[in-house]
Amino acid sequence: QIAQKSEAFMAEVKAKPVKITKKDIEKHAAQLEGEVAKMRAKVSSELNDRYRKAVAETNTLEDVRKELSVVDQIIAADVAVIRENIDVATGELSDAQKRFDSAEEEFIAAKLELKMCEEFKTELTEYLTMLIQENQKKKSAKLEELSATLRA
């Protein structure tokens, strides 16, 4: 803006065949100095505002960083506890799996033993039935023989 006004003043000076006095130049210089002072004050004010905002933003970011650090510590502690619980649960699961496998093997062995005992009992029962039947036949034959001897 100041450069434009200076150029406008110089163009006016060149365009007018009027004589410019030292007073006119001093007046114009004073105007320019006033405008420059206003611009400097405005720029200084803007810089101060931006500096205050930057400081406030830096403080806010530092607060956020601290809060995130606290949250990270809490999460890290929670993760450590959960990992420890997972390790304990893994051990318990392994123990339970071993007990289950052992019990399953014992169950299968007991089931096979039961089946073998049932088959053995069935065989013994069939053998007993056969012995009783043969004994009955022998008794019956002996009785007939004795009856025949008594009749003769």
N, C-alpha and C. Protein backbone atom coordinates (compact mmCIF):
# COMPACT_ATOMS: atom_id res chain seq x y z
N GLN A 1 0.82 -1.20 0.00
CA GLN A 1 0.00 0.00 0.00
C GLN A 1 0.86 1.25 0.00
N ILE A 2 1.87 1.23 0.82
CA ILE A 2 2.74 2.41 0.93
C ILE A 2 3.46 2.63 -0.40
N ALA A 3 3.92 1.56 -1.02
CA ALA A 3 4.61 1.69 -2.29
C ALA A 3 3.68 2.25 -3.35
N GLN A 4 2.43 1.85 -3.32
CA GLN A 4 1.45 2.36 -4.28
C GLN A 4 1.23 3.86 -4.08
N LYS A 5 1.13 4.28 -2.83
CA LYS A 5 0.92 5.70 -2.54
C LYS A 5 2.13 6.52 -2.96
N SER A 6 3.32 5.99 -2.74
CA SER A 6 4.53 6.70 -3.15
C SER A 6 4.58 6.84 -4.66
N GLU A 7 4.21 5.73 -5.35
CA GLU A 7 4.20 5.79 -6.81
C GLU A 7 3.13 6.78 -7.30
N ALA A 8 1.99 6.78 -6.62
CA ALA A 8 0.92 7.73 -7.00
C ALA A 8 1.41 9.17 -6.78
N PHE A 9 2.09 9.42 -5.67
CA PHE A 9 2.61 10.76 -5.38
C PHE A 9 3.63 11.17 -6.43
N MET A 10 4.51 10.24 -6.82
CA MET A 10 5.54 10.54 -7.81
C MET A 10 4.89 10.79 -9.17
N ALA A 11 3.85 10.03 -9.50
CA ALA A 11 3.16 10.24 -10.76
C ALA A 11 2.49 11.60 -10.77
N GLU A 12 1.94 12.00 -9.63
CA GLU A 12 1.28 13.30 -9.50
C GLU A 12 2.31 14.41 -9.65
N VAL A 13 3.46 14.18 -9.07
CA VAL A 13 4.54 15.18 -9.15
C VAL A 13 4.98 15.34 -10.59
N LYS A 14 5.11 14.23 -11.31
CA LYS A 14 5.55 14.29 -12.70
C LYS A 14 4.48 14.89 -13.59
N ALA A 15 3.21 14.59 -13.28
CA ALA A 15 2.11 15.04 -14.11
C ALA A 15 1.85 16.54 -13.94
N LYS A 16 2.08 17.09 -12.79
CA LYS A 16 1.80 18.50 -12.53
C LYS A 16 3.04 19.35 -12.84
N PRO A 17 2.83 20.31 -13.58
CA PRO A 17 3.95 21.22 -13.81
C PRO A 17 4.12 22.19 -12.64
N VAL A 18 3.37 21.91 -11.59
CA VAL A 18 3.39 22.79 -10.42
C VAL A 18 4.67 22.54 -9.65
N LYS A 19 5.11 23.54 -9.05
CA LYS A 19 6.33 23.47 -8.28
C LYS A 19 6.01 22.85 -6.93
N ILE A 20 6.83 21.85 -6.57
CA ILE A 20 6.63 21.17 -5.30
C ILE A 20 7.63 21.76 -4.33
N THR A 21 7.08 22.03 -3.18
CA THR A 21 7.92 22.66 -2.17
C THR A 21 8.46 21.62 -1.22
N LYS A 22 9.43 22.07 -0.48
CA LYS A 22 10.03 21.21 0.52
C LYS A 22 8.97 20.81 1.55
N LYS A 23 8.07 21.72 1.83
CA LYS A 23 7.00 21.50 2.79
C LYS A 23 6.09 20.37 2.31
N ASP A 24 5.80 20.33 0.98
CA ASP A 24 4.96 19.26 0.42
C ASP A 24 5.66 17.91 0.58
N ILE A 25 6.94 17.91 0.32
CA ILE A 25 7.69 16.66 0.44
C ILE A 25 7.74 16.22 1.89
N GLU A 26 7.96 17.14 2.81
CA GLU A 26 8.00 16.81 4.23
C GLU A 26 6.63 16.30 4.71
N LYS A 27 5.59 16.98 4.19
CA LYS A 27 4.22 16.55 4.55
C LYS A 27 3.97 15.12 4.07
N HIS A 28 4.36 14.87 2.82
CA HIS A 28 4.18 13.52 2.26
C HIS A 28 5.03 12.52 3.03
N ALA A 29 6.25 12.89 3.39
CA ALA A 29 7.13 11.99 4.15
C ALA A 29 6.53 11.70 5.52
N ALA A 30 5.94 12.71 6.16
CA ALA A 30 5.31 12.52 7.46
C ALA A 30 4.13 11.57 7.35
N GLN A 31 3.35 11.73 6.26
CA GLN A 31 2.22 10.83 6.04
C GLN A 31 2.72 9.38 5.89
N LEU A 32 3.78 9.24 5.08
CA LEU A 32 4.33 7.91 4.85
C LEU A 32 4.87 7.33 6.15
N GLU A 33 5.56 8.14 6.95
CA GLU A 33 6.09 7.66 8.24
C GLU A 33 4.96 7.24 9.18
N GLY A 34 3.87 8.00 9.17
CA GLY A 34 2.70 7.66 9.99
C GLY A 34 2.10 6.33 9.55
N GLU A 35 1.99 6.17 8.24
CA GLU A 35 1.43 4.91 7.73
C GLU A 35 2.36 3.74 8.03
N VAL A 36 3.69 3.98 7.90
CA VAL A 36 4.65 2.93 8.20
C VAL A 36 4.56 2.56 9.68
N ALA A 37 4.42 3.57 10.55
CA ALA A 37 4.31 3.32 11.99
C ALA A 37 3.05 2.51 12.29
N LYS A 38 1.94 2.87 11.63
CA LYS A 38 0.70 2.11 11.81
C LYS A 38 0.88 0.66 11.36
N MET A 39 1.54 0.48 10.19
CA MET A 39 1.76 -0.87 9.67
C MET A 39 2.65 -1.66 10.61
N ARG A 40 3.70 -1.01 11.15
CA ARG A 40 4.59 -1.69 12.09
C ARG A 40 3.82 -2.10 13.34
N ALA A 41 2.97 -1.21 13.84
CA ALA A 41 2.18 -1.52 15.03
C ALA A 41 1.23 -2.68 14.74
N LYS A 42 0.63 -2.65 13.54
CA LYS A 42 -0.30 -3.71 13.15
C LYS A 42 0.44 -5.05 13.04
N VAL A 43 1.61 -5.03 12.38
CA VAL A 43 2.41 -6.25 12.21
C VAL A 43 2.88 -6.74 13.58
N SER A 44 3.33 -5.82 14.43
CA SER A 44 3.78 -6.19 15.77
C SER A 44 2.64 -6.81 16.57
N SER A 45 1.46 -6.21 16.47
CA SER A 45 0.30 -6.74 17.17
C SER A 45 -0.05 -8.14 16.66
N GLU A 46 0.00 -8.28 15.34
CA GLU A 46 -0.29 -9.58 14.73
C GLU A 46 0.74 -10.62 15.17
N LEU A 47 2.01 -10.24 15.20
CA LEU A 47 3.06 -11.15 15.66
C LEU A 47 2.85 -11.54 17.11
N ASN A 48 2.50 -10.56 17.95
CA ASN A 48 2.24 -10.85 19.36
C ASN A 48 1.07 -11.81 19.52
N ASP A 49 0.01 -11.56 18.75
CA ASP A 49 -1.16 -12.45 18.80
C ASP A 49 -0.78 -13.88 18.38
N ARG A 50 -0.03 -13.95 17.29
CA ARG A 50 0.38 -15.27 16.81
C ARG A 50 1.31 -15.95 17.81
N TYR A 51 2.18 -15.19 18.44
CA TYR A 51 3.09 -15.76 19.44
C TYR A 51 2.28 -16.30 20.62
N ARG A 52 1.30 -15.50 21.10
CA ARG A 52 0.45 -15.95 22.21
C ARG A 52 -0.30 -17.22 21.83
N LYS A 53 -0.82 -17.22 20.61
CA LYS A 53 -1.55 -18.42 20.14
C LYS A 53 -0.61 -19.62 20.05
N ALA A 54 0.61 -19.40 19.55
CA ALA A 54 1.57 -20.49 19.43
C ALA A 54 1.94 -21.02 20.82
N VAL A 55 2.14 -20.12 21.78
CA VAL A 55 2.46 -20.54 23.15
C VAL A 55 1.30 -21.33 23.74
N ALA A 56 0.07 -20.81 23.53
CA ALA A 56 -1.11 -21.51 24.05
C ALA A 56 -1.25 -22.88 23.39
N GLU A 57 -1.01 -22.96 22.09
CA GLU A 57 -1.11 -24.24 21.38
C GLU A 57 -0.01 -25.20 21.86
N THR A 58 1.19 -24.67 22.09
CA THR A 58 2.28 -25.49 22.61
C THR A 58 1.92 -26.05 23.98
N ASN A 59 1.35 -25.20 24.82
CA ASN A 59 0.93 -25.65 26.15
C ASN A 59 -0.15 -26.72 26.05
N THR A 60 -1.11 -26.48 25.17
CA THR A 60 -2.19 -27.45 24.97
C THR A 60 -1.64 -28.78 24.47
N LEU A 61 -0.71 -28.70 23.50
CA LEU A 61 -0.11 -29.93 22.97
C LEU A 61 0.69 -30.66 24.04
N GLU A 62 1.36 -29.92 24.90
CA GLU A 62 2.11 -30.54 26.00
C GLU A 62 1.16 -31.24 26.97
N ASP A 63 0.02 -30.57 27.27
CA ASP A 63 -0.99 -31.19 28.14
C ASP A 63 -1.53 -32.47 27.52
N VAL A 64 -1.81 -32.41 26.22
CA VAL A 64 -2.32 -33.59 25.51
C VAL A 64 -1.28 -34.71 25.53
N ARG A 65 0.00 -34.35 25.32
CA ARG A 65 1.07 -35.34 25.35
C ARG A 65 1.14 -36.01 26.72
N LYS A 66 1.01 -35.22 27.79
CA LYS A 66 1.05 -35.77 29.14
C LYS A 66 -0.13 -36.70 29.37
N GLU A 67 -1.32 -36.28 28.94
CA GLU A 67 -2.51 -37.12 29.12
C GLU A 67 -2.38 -38.42 28.33
N LEU A 68 -1.85 -38.33 27.11
CA LEU A 68 -1.66 -39.54 26.31
C LEU A 68 -0.63 -40.46 26.96
N SER A 69 0.38 -39.87 27.57
CA SER A 69 1.38 -40.66 28.27
C SER A 69 0.75 -41.42 29.43
N VAL A 70 -0.13 -40.75 30.17
CA VAL A 70 -0.83 -41.40 31.28
C VAL A 70 -1.71 -42.53 30.76
N VAL A 71 -2.44 -42.25 29.68
CA VAL A 71 -3.30 -43.28 29.08
C VAL A 71 -2.46 -44.46 28.60
N ASP A 72 -1.31 -44.16 27.96
CA ASP A 72 -0.42 -45.23 27.50
C ASP A 72 0.06 -46.09 28.67
N GLN A 73 0.38 -45.45 29.79
CA GLN A 73 0.84 -46.20 30.96
C GLN A 73 -0.27 -47.10 31.50
N ILE A 74 -1.48 -46.56 31.54
CA ILE A 74 -2.63 -47.35 32.02
C ILE A 74 -2.86 -48.55 31.10
N ILE A 75 -2.83 -48.28 29.79
CA ILE A 75 -3.04 -49.36 28.81
C ILE A 75 -1.93 -50.40 28.93
N ALA A 76 -0.69 -49.94 29.08
CA ALA A 76 0.44 -50.87 29.20
C ALA A 76 0.26 -51.76 30.44
N ALA A 77 -0.19 -51.16 31.55
CA ALA A 77 -0.42 -51.94 32.77
C ALA A 77 -1.55 -52.95 32.55
N ASP A 78 -2.63 -52.50 31.90
CA ASP A 78 -3.75 -53.42 31.61
C ASP A 78 -3.30 -54.57 30.71
N VAL A 79 -2.52 -54.23 29.70
CA VAL A 79 -2.03 -55.26 28.77
C VAL A 79 -1.15 -56.26 29.51
N ALA A 80 -0.30 -55.76 30.42
CA ALA A 80 0.57 -56.66 31.19
C ALA A 80 -0.26 -57.61 32.04
N VAL A 81 -1.31 -57.09 32.70
CA VAL A 81 -2.18 -57.93 33.53
C VAL A 81 -2.89 -58.97 32.66
N ILE A 82 -3.39 -58.53 31.52
CA ILE A 82 -4.11 -59.46 30.63
C ILE A 82 -3.17 -60.54 30.11
N ARG A 83 -1.95 -60.14 29.73
CA ARG A 83 -0.98 -61.14 29.26
C ARG A 83 -0.66 -62.14 30.37
N GLU A 84 -0.52 -61.66 31.59
CA GLU A 84 -0.26 -62.55 32.71
C GLU A 84 -1.43 -63.51 32.90
N ASN A 85 -2.65 -62.99 32.82
CA ASN A 85 -3.84 -63.84 32.94
C ASN A 85 -3.90 -64.86 31.80
N ILE A 86 -3.50 -64.44 30.61
CA ILE A 86 -3.49 -65.37 29.47
C ILE A 86 -2.48 -66.47 29.72
N ASP A 87 -1.30 -66.11 30.26
CA ASP A 87 -0.29 -67.13 30.57
C ASP A 87 -0.82 -68.13 31.59
N VAL A 88 -1.49 -67.62 32.63
CA VAL A 88 -2.06 -68.51 33.66
C VAL A 88 -3.13 -69.40 33.03
N ALA A 89 -3.99 -68.81 32.22
CA ALA A 89 -5.06 -69.57 31.57
C ALA A 89 -4.48 -70.62 30.63
N THR A 90 -3.40 -70.29 29.95
CA THR A 90 -2.75 -71.25 29.05
C THR A 90 -2.23 -72.45 29.84
N GLY A 91 -1.60 -72.18 30.99
CA GLY A 91 -1.12 -73.28 31.85
C GLY A 91 -2.26 -74.14 32.35
N GLU A 92 -3.35 -73.49 32.80
CA GLU A 92 -4.51 -74.24 33.28
C GLU A 92 -5.14 -75.06 32.16
N LEU A 93 -5.19 -74.48 30.97
CA LEU A 93 -5.75 -75.20 29.82
C LEU A 93 -4.89 -76.42 29.50
N SER A 94 -3.57 -76.24 29.54
CA SER A 94 -2.67 -77.37 29.28
C SER A 94 -2.86 -78.48 30.30
N ASP A 95 -2.94 -78.11 31.58
CA ASP A 95 -3.17 -79.10 32.63
C ASP A 95 -4.50 -79.82 32.44
N ALA A 96 -5.54 -79.04 32.13
CA ALA A 96 -6.87 -79.63 31.93
C ALA A 96 -6.86 -80.57 30.73
N GLN A 97 -6.15 -80.18 29.67
CA GLN A 97 -6.07 -81.03 28.48
C GLN A 97 -5.37 -82.34 28.81
N LYS A 98 -4.29 -82.26 29.62
CA LYS A 98 -3.58 -83.49 30.02
C LYS A 98 -4.49 -84.39 30.84
N ARG A 99 -5.22 -83.78 31.81
CA ARG A 99 -6.14 -84.57 32.63
C ARG A 99 -7.23 -85.20 31.76
N PHE A 100 -7.74 -84.43 30.81
CA PHE A 100 -8.78 -84.94 29.92
C PHE A 100 -8.24 -86.10 29.09
N ASP A 101 -7.06 -85.93 28.51
CA ASP A 101 -6.47 -87.00 27.69
C ASP A 101 -6.27 -88.26 28.52
N SER A 102 -5.77 -88.07 29.75
CA SER A 102 -5.56 -89.22 30.64
C SER A 102 -6.89 -89.89 30.98
N ALA A 103 -7.89 -89.07 31.32
CA ALA A 103 -9.20 -89.62 31.65
C ALA A 103 -9.82 -90.32 30.44
N GLU A 104 -9.61 -89.75 29.26
CA GLU A 104 -10.15 -90.36 28.05
C GLU A 104 -9.48 -91.71 27.80
N GLU A 105 -8.15 -91.76 27.98
CA GLU A 105 -7.45 -93.04 27.82
C GLU A 105 -7.96 -94.06 28.83
N GLU A 106 -8.13 -93.62 30.08
CA GLU A 106 -8.63 -94.51 31.13
C GLU A 106 -10.05 -94.97 30.79
N PHE A 107 -10.88 -94.05 30.29
CA PHE A 107 -12.25 -94.39 29.90
C PHE A 107 -12.25 -95.44 28.80
N ILE A 108 -11.41 -95.23 27.80
CA ILE A 108 -11.35 -96.19 26.68
C ILE A 108 -10.87 -97.55 27.18
N ALA A 109 -9.85 -97.54 28.04
CA ALA A 109 -9.34 -98.81 28.58
C ALA A 109 -10.42 -99.49 29.41
N ALA A 110 -11.15 -98.73 30.24
CA ALA A 110 -12.22 -99.31 31.07
C ALA A 110 -13.34 -99.84 30.19
N LYS A 111 -13.64 -99.14 29.11
CA LYS A 111 -14.70 -99.57 28.21
C LYS A 111 -14.30 -100.89 27.52
N LEU A 112 -13.04 -100.98 27.11
CA LEU A 112 -12.56 -102.23 26.50
C LEU A 112 -12.60 -103.37 27.52
N GLU A 113 -12.16 -103.09 28.75
CA GLU A 113 -12.19 -104.10 29.81
C GLU A 113 -13.62 -104.54 30.08
N LEU A 114 -14.55 -103.59 30.11
CA LEU A 114 -15.96 -103.91 30.32
C LEU A 114 -16.47 -104.80 29.21
N LYS A 115 -16.14 -104.46 27.98
CA LYS A 115 -16.58 -105.25 26.83
C LYS A 115 -16.01 -106.67 26.92
N MET A 116 -14.74 -106.77 27.29
CA MET A 116 -14.12 -108.09 27.41
C MET A 116 -14.77 -108.89 28.54
N CYS A 117 -15.04 -108.24 29.66
CA CYS A 117 -15.70 -108.92 30.78
C CYS A 117 -17.10 -109.39 30.39
N GLU A 118 -17.83 -108.53 29.65
CA GLU A 118 -19.17 -108.91 29.21
C GLU A 118 -19.10 -110.12 28.28
N GLU A 119 -18.13 -110.10 27.36
CA GLU A 119 -17.98 -111.23 26.44
C GLU A 119 -17.59 -112.50 27.19
N PHE A 120 -16.67 -112.36 28.16
CA PHE A 120 -16.25 -113.52 28.96
C PHE A 120 -17.43 -114.08 29.75
N LYS A 121 -18.23 -113.16 30.35
CA LYS A 121 -19.40 -113.59 31.11
C LYS A 121 -20.38 -114.31 30.19
N THR A 122 -20.59 -113.74 29.00
CA THR A 122 -21.51 -114.36 28.04
C THR A 122 -21.01 -115.74 27.66
N GLU A 123 -19.70 -115.86 27.41
CA GLU A 123 -19.13 -117.18 27.07
C GLU A 123 -19.32 -118.16 28.23
N LEU A 124 -19.04 -117.69 29.47
CA LEU A 124 -19.21 -118.56 30.64
C LEU A 124 -20.67 -118.98 30.81
N THR A 125 -21.58 -118.01 30.59
CA THR A 125 -23.01 -118.31 30.70
C THR A 125 -23.42 -119.35 29.66
N GLU A 126 -22.93 -119.18 28.43
CA GLU A 126 -23.25 -120.14 27.37
C GLU A 126 -22.66 -121.51 27.71
N TYR A 127 -21.42 -121.50 28.24
CA TYR A 127 -20.77 -122.76 28.61
C TYR A 127 -21.53 -123.45 29.74
N LEU A 128 -21.98 -122.63 30.75
CA LEU A 128 -22.76 -123.18 31.85
C LEU A 128 -24.07 -123.77 31.33
N THR A 129 -24.72 -123.04 30.45
CA THR A 129 -25.98 -123.53 29.87
C THR A 129 -25.74 -124.85 29.15
N MET A 130 -24.66 -124.92 28.40
CA MET A 130 -24.34 -126.13 27.67
C MET A 130 -24.04 -127.28 28.65
N LEU A 131 -23.28 -126.99 29.71
CA LEU A 131 -22.97 -128.02 30.71
C LEU A 131 -24.25 -128.53 31.37
N ILE A 132 -25.12 -127.59 31.73
CA ILE A 132 -26.38 -127.99 32.37
C ILE A 132 -27.20 -128.86 31.43
N GLN A 133 -27.25 -128.46 30.17
CA GLN A 133 -28.02 -129.24 29.19
C GLN A 133 -27.41 -130.62 29.02
N GLU A 134 -26.09 -130.68 28.91
CA GLU A 134 -25.45 -131.99 28.75
C GLU A 134 -25.66 -132.84 30.00
N ASN A 135 -25.56 -132.20 31.17
CA ASN A 135 -25.79 -132.91 32.42
C ASN A 135 -27.22 -133.43 32.47
N GLN A 136 -28.15 -132.60 32.04
CA GLN A 136 -29.56 -133.01 32.01
C GLN A 136 -29.73 -134.21 31.07
N LYS A 137 -29.06 -134.15 29.93
CA LYS A 137 -29.17 -135.26 28.97
C LYS A 137 -28.59 -136.54 29.58
N LYS A 138 -27.42 -136.36 30.26
CA LYS A 138 -26.79 -137.53 30.89
C LYS A 138 -27.70 -138.10 31.98
N LYS A 139 -28.28 -137.20 32.80
CA LYS A 139 -29.20 -137.66 33.85
C LYS A 139 -30.39 -138.37 33.24
N SER A 140 -30.90 -137.73 32.20
CA SER A 140 -32.08 -138.33 31.55
C SER A 140 -31.73 -139.72 31.00
N ALA A 141 -30.56 -139.80 30.36
CA ALA A 141 -30.14 -141.09 29.81
C ALA A 141 -29.91 -142.10 30.94
N LYS A 142 -29.29 -141.66 32.02
CA LYS A 142 -29.03 -142.55 33.15
C LYS A 142 -30.34 -143.01 33.77
N LEU A 143 -31.31 -142.07 33.90
CA LEU A 143 -32.60 -142.45 34.44
C LEU A 143 -33.29 -143.47 33.57
N GLU A 144 -33.21 -143.30 32.29
CA GLU A 144 -33.83 -144.25 31.37
C GLU A 144 -33.13 -145.60 31.47
N GLU A 145 -31.86 -145.56 31.61
CA GLU A 145 -31.09 -146.81 31.75
C GLU A 145 -31.48 -147.51 33.05
N LEU A 146 -31.56 -146.73 34.13
CA LEU A 146 -31.95 -147.32 35.40
C LEU A 146 -33.40 -147.79 35.35
N SER A 147 -34.25 -147.02 34.69
CA SER A 147 -35.65 -147.46 34.57
C SER A 147 -35.75 -148.73 33.76
N ALA A 148 -34.96 -148.80 32.73
CA ALA A 148 -34.96 -150.00 31.91
C ALA A 148 -34.44 -151.18 32.71
N THR A 149 -33.46 -151.00 33.56
CA THR A 149 -32.90 -152.06 34.37
C THR A 149 -33.93 -152.49 35.40
N LEU A 150 -34.63 -151.54 35.95
CA LEU A 150 -35.67 -151.87 36.93
C LEU A 150 -36.83 -152.61 36.25
N ARG A 151 -37.13 -152.38 35.08
CA ARG A 151 -38.23 -153.02 34.38
C ARG A 151 -37.80 -154.40 33.91
N ALA A 152 -36.66 -154.63 33.78
CA ALA A 152 -36.22 -155.92 33.25
C ALA A 152 -36.04 -156.96 34.27
